[in-house]
Amino acid sequence: MFRGVSQLNLDAKGRLAMPARYRDELVASCDGQLVVTVHPDRCLLMYPRPEWERVEQNLMSRPNLKPAVVRLQRLLVGHASDCELDGNGRLLLPQPLRKFAGMDKQVALLGQGKKFEIWDQATWDQRCEEMFDEGIDANELESISL
């Protein structure tokens, strides 16, 4: 399970250095093979390849005559890029994906269980403020216990 937030810097080539606490698990679980794609919230999603293959199979098995399904398939599968950790534990984020998410230099890496979200740091900070301001509707979460 991936959890926690890390503030990272992209280098001049658009690479991020994966935090050491995740490297061993990523090498063991997927040999450093990852898939990065876009999310409608204008962040990136990063999956270990075996987890992505499950998500992709599930998504592509949905009825493709429903416009919302087709849009999600086009967005997630159409933008999916195979990426690999290099020998130094760095990951090159493709330029079109960085552009989509408005990433320049500083990014936030959020562990989200079986995947990561990658946000432009300023955008993430703004979204956090918005989430705190919006609060949480307890009726929507009545089956969750913290």
Protein backbone atom coordinates (compact mmCIF):
# COMPACT_ATOMS: atom_id res chain seq x y z
CA MET A 1 0.00 0.00 0.00
CA PHE A 2 1.34 3.37 -1.00
CA ARG A 3 0.50 6.22 1.36
CA GLY A 4 1.74 9.61 2.36
CA VAL A 5 2.69 12.74 0.48
CA SER A 6 6.15 13.68 -0.78
CA GLN A 7 7.23 17.02 -2.18
CA LEU A 8 9.58 16.45 -5.09
CA ASN A 9 11.34 18.43 -7.78
CA LEU A 10 11.40 17.56 -11.45
CA ASP A 11 14.82 17.85 -13.04
CA ALA A 12 15.42 19.69 -16.33
CA LYS A 13 14.47 16.56 -18.31
CA GLY A 14 11.18 16.08 -16.46
CA ARG A 15 12.33 13.22 -14.22
CA LEU A 16 11.31 12.75 -10.63
CA ALA A 17 13.32 10.81 -8.10
CA MET A 18 11.08 8.18 -6.53
CA PRO A 19 11.31 8.37 -2.73
CA ALA A 20 13.47 5.57 -1.34
CA ARG A 21 10.62 4.21 0.78
CA TYR A 22 8.78 3.14 -2.40
CA ARG A 23 11.66 1.97 -4.59
CA ASP A 24 12.18 -1.51 -3.18
CA GLU A 25 8.47 -2.31 -3.32
CA LEU A 26 8.19 -1.06 -6.90
CA VAL A 27 11.20 -3.09 -8.01
CA ALA A 28 9.89 -6.20 -6.23
CA SER A 29 6.28 -5.91 -7.41
CA CYS A 30 6.74 -4.76 -11.00
CA ASP A 31 10.48 -4.63 -11.73
CA GLY A 32 10.19 -0.83 -11.81
CA GLN A 33 7.69 -0.99 -14.71
CA LEU A 34 5.02 1.69 -14.26
CA VAL A 35 2.18 3.23 -16.22
CA VAL A 36 1.39 6.93 -15.95
CA THR A 37 -1.84 8.43 -17.26
CA VAL A 38 -4.04 11.47 -16.79
CA HIS A 39 -6.92 12.04 -14.40
CA PRO A 40 -9.90 14.35 -15.02
CA ASP A 41 -8.81 16.46 -12.01
CA ARG A 42 -5.71 17.52 -14.00
CA CYS A 43 -3.27 15.38 -12.07
CA LEU A 44 -1.45 12.23 -13.14
CA LEU A 45 -2.05 8.68 -11.98
CA MET A 46 0.86 6.28 -11.67
CA TYR A 47 0.32 2.54 -11.35
CA PRO A 48 2.68 -0.43 -11.06
CA ARG A 49 2.17 -2.16 -14.42
CA PRO A 50 0.36 -5.25 -13.03
CA GLU A 51 -2.13 -3.02 -11.19
CA TRP A 52 -2.64 -0.87 -14.30
CA GLU A 53 -3.35 -3.98 -16.37
CA ARG A 54 -6.19 -4.87 -13.99
CA VAL A 55 -7.59 -1.34 -14.16
CA GLU A 56 -7.26 -1.21 -17.93
CA GLN A 57 -8.94 -4.60 -18.40
CA ASN A 58 -11.81 -3.54 -16.14
CA LEU A 59 -12.23 -0.22 -17.93
CA MET A 60 -12.08 -1.72 -21.42
CA SER A 61 -14.67 -4.39 -20.54
CA ARG A 62 -17.31 -1.70 -19.93
CA PRO A 63 -20.04 -1.06 -22.55
CA ASN A 64 -18.46 1.32 -25.04
CA LEU A 65 -21.77 2.70 -26.28
CA LYS A 66 -22.10 4.78 -23.13
CA PRO A 67 -20.57 8.23 -23.76
CA ALA A 68 -19.16 8.57 -20.22
CA VAL A 69 -17.40 5.20 -20.53
CA VAL A 70 -15.93 6.12 -23.92
CA ARG A 71 -14.67 9.45 -22.57
CA LEU A 72 -12.99 7.75 -19.61
CA GLN A 73 -11.46 5.07 -21.85
CA ARG A 74 -10.12 7.71 -24.22
CA LEU A 75 -8.76 9.81 -21.39
CA LEU A 76 -7.12 7.11 -19.26
CA VAL A 77 -6.12 4.48 -21.81
CA GLY A 78 -5.43 6.96 -24.59
CA HIS A 79 -2.93 8.87 -22.45
CA ALA A 80 -1.39 5.86 -20.70
CA SER A 81 2.40 5.82 -21.03
CA ASP A 82 4.75 3.01 -20.06
CA CYS A 83 7.52 4.32 -17.83
CA GLU A 84 10.40 2.66 -16.04
CA LEU A 85 12.47 3.52 -13.00
CA ASP A 86 16.06 4.01 -14.07
CA GLY A 87 19.08 2.71 -12.16
CA ASN A 88 19.00 5.81 -9.95
CA GLY A 89 15.33 5.41 -9.01
CA ARG A 90 14.17 8.21 -11.32
CA LEU A 91 11.11 8.22 -13.54
CA LEU A 92 10.78 10.30 -16.70
CA LEU A 93 7.30 11.82 -16.92
CA PRO A 94 6.43 12.29 -20.61
CA GLN A 95 6.14 15.92 -21.72
CA PRO A 96 2.48 15.66 -22.89
CA LEU A 97 1.47 14.35 -19.46
CA ARG A 98 3.43 17.06 -17.63
CA LYS A 99 1.77 19.66 -19.85
CA PHE A 100 -1.70 18.21 -19.17
CA ALA A 101 -1.13 18.45 -15.40
CA GLY A 102 0.52 21.88 -15.57
CA MET A 103 3.75 20.58 -14.04
CA ASP A 104 6.85 22.70 -14.10
CA LYS A 105 9.31 22.07 -11.29
CA GLN A 106 7.71 21.20 -7.94
CA VAL A 107 5.34 18.25 -7.67
CA ALA A 108 3.47 16.41 -4.93
CA LEU A 109 3.47 12.59 -4.98
CA LEU A 110 0.52 11.12 -3.07
CA GLY A 111 0.32 7.47 -2.17
CA GLN A 112 -3.23 6.28 -2.82
CA GLY A 113 -3.19 2.62 -1.89
CA LYS A 114 -2.34 0.69 -5.05
CA LYS A 115 -1.44 3.76 -7.09
CA PHE A 116 0.03 7.24 -6.82
CA GLU A 117 -1.28 10.65 -7.79
CA ILE A 118 1.21 13.21 -9.06
CA TRP A 119 0.18 16.85 -8.80
CA ASP A 120 1.76 20.15 -9.63
CA GLN A 121 2.64 21.35 -6.13
CA ALA A 122 0.84 24.72 -6.37
CA THR A 123 -2.27 23.04 -7.77
CA TRP A 124 -2.18 20.44 -4.98
CA ASP A 125 -1.86 23.13 -2.31
CA GLN A 126 -4.86 24.96 -3.79
CA ARG A 127 -6.92 21.75 -3.99
CA CYS A 128 -6.13 20.96 -0.35
CA GLU A 129 -7.42 24.36 0.71
CA GLU A 130 -10.58 23.84 -1.35
CA MET A 131 -11.17 20.40 0.19
CA PHE A 132 -10.78 21.78 3.72
CA ASP A 133 -13.10 24.69 2.91
CA GLU A 134 -15.75 22.38 1.41
CA GLY A 135 -15.75 20.07 4.41
CA ILE A 136 -17.10 16.54 4.35
CA ASP A 137 -20.75 15.59 4.07
CA ALA A 138 -21.16 12.89 6.73
CA ASN A 139 -24.22 11.52 4.92
CA GLU A 140 -22.04 10.54 1.98
CA LEU A 141 -19.67 8.63 4.25
CA GLU A 142 -22.03 6.98 6.71
CA SER A 143 -20.50 3.54 6.21
CA ILE A 144 -16.91 4.70 6.85
CA SER A 145 -15.35 4.64 10.27
CA LEU A 146 -12.07 6.43 10.97
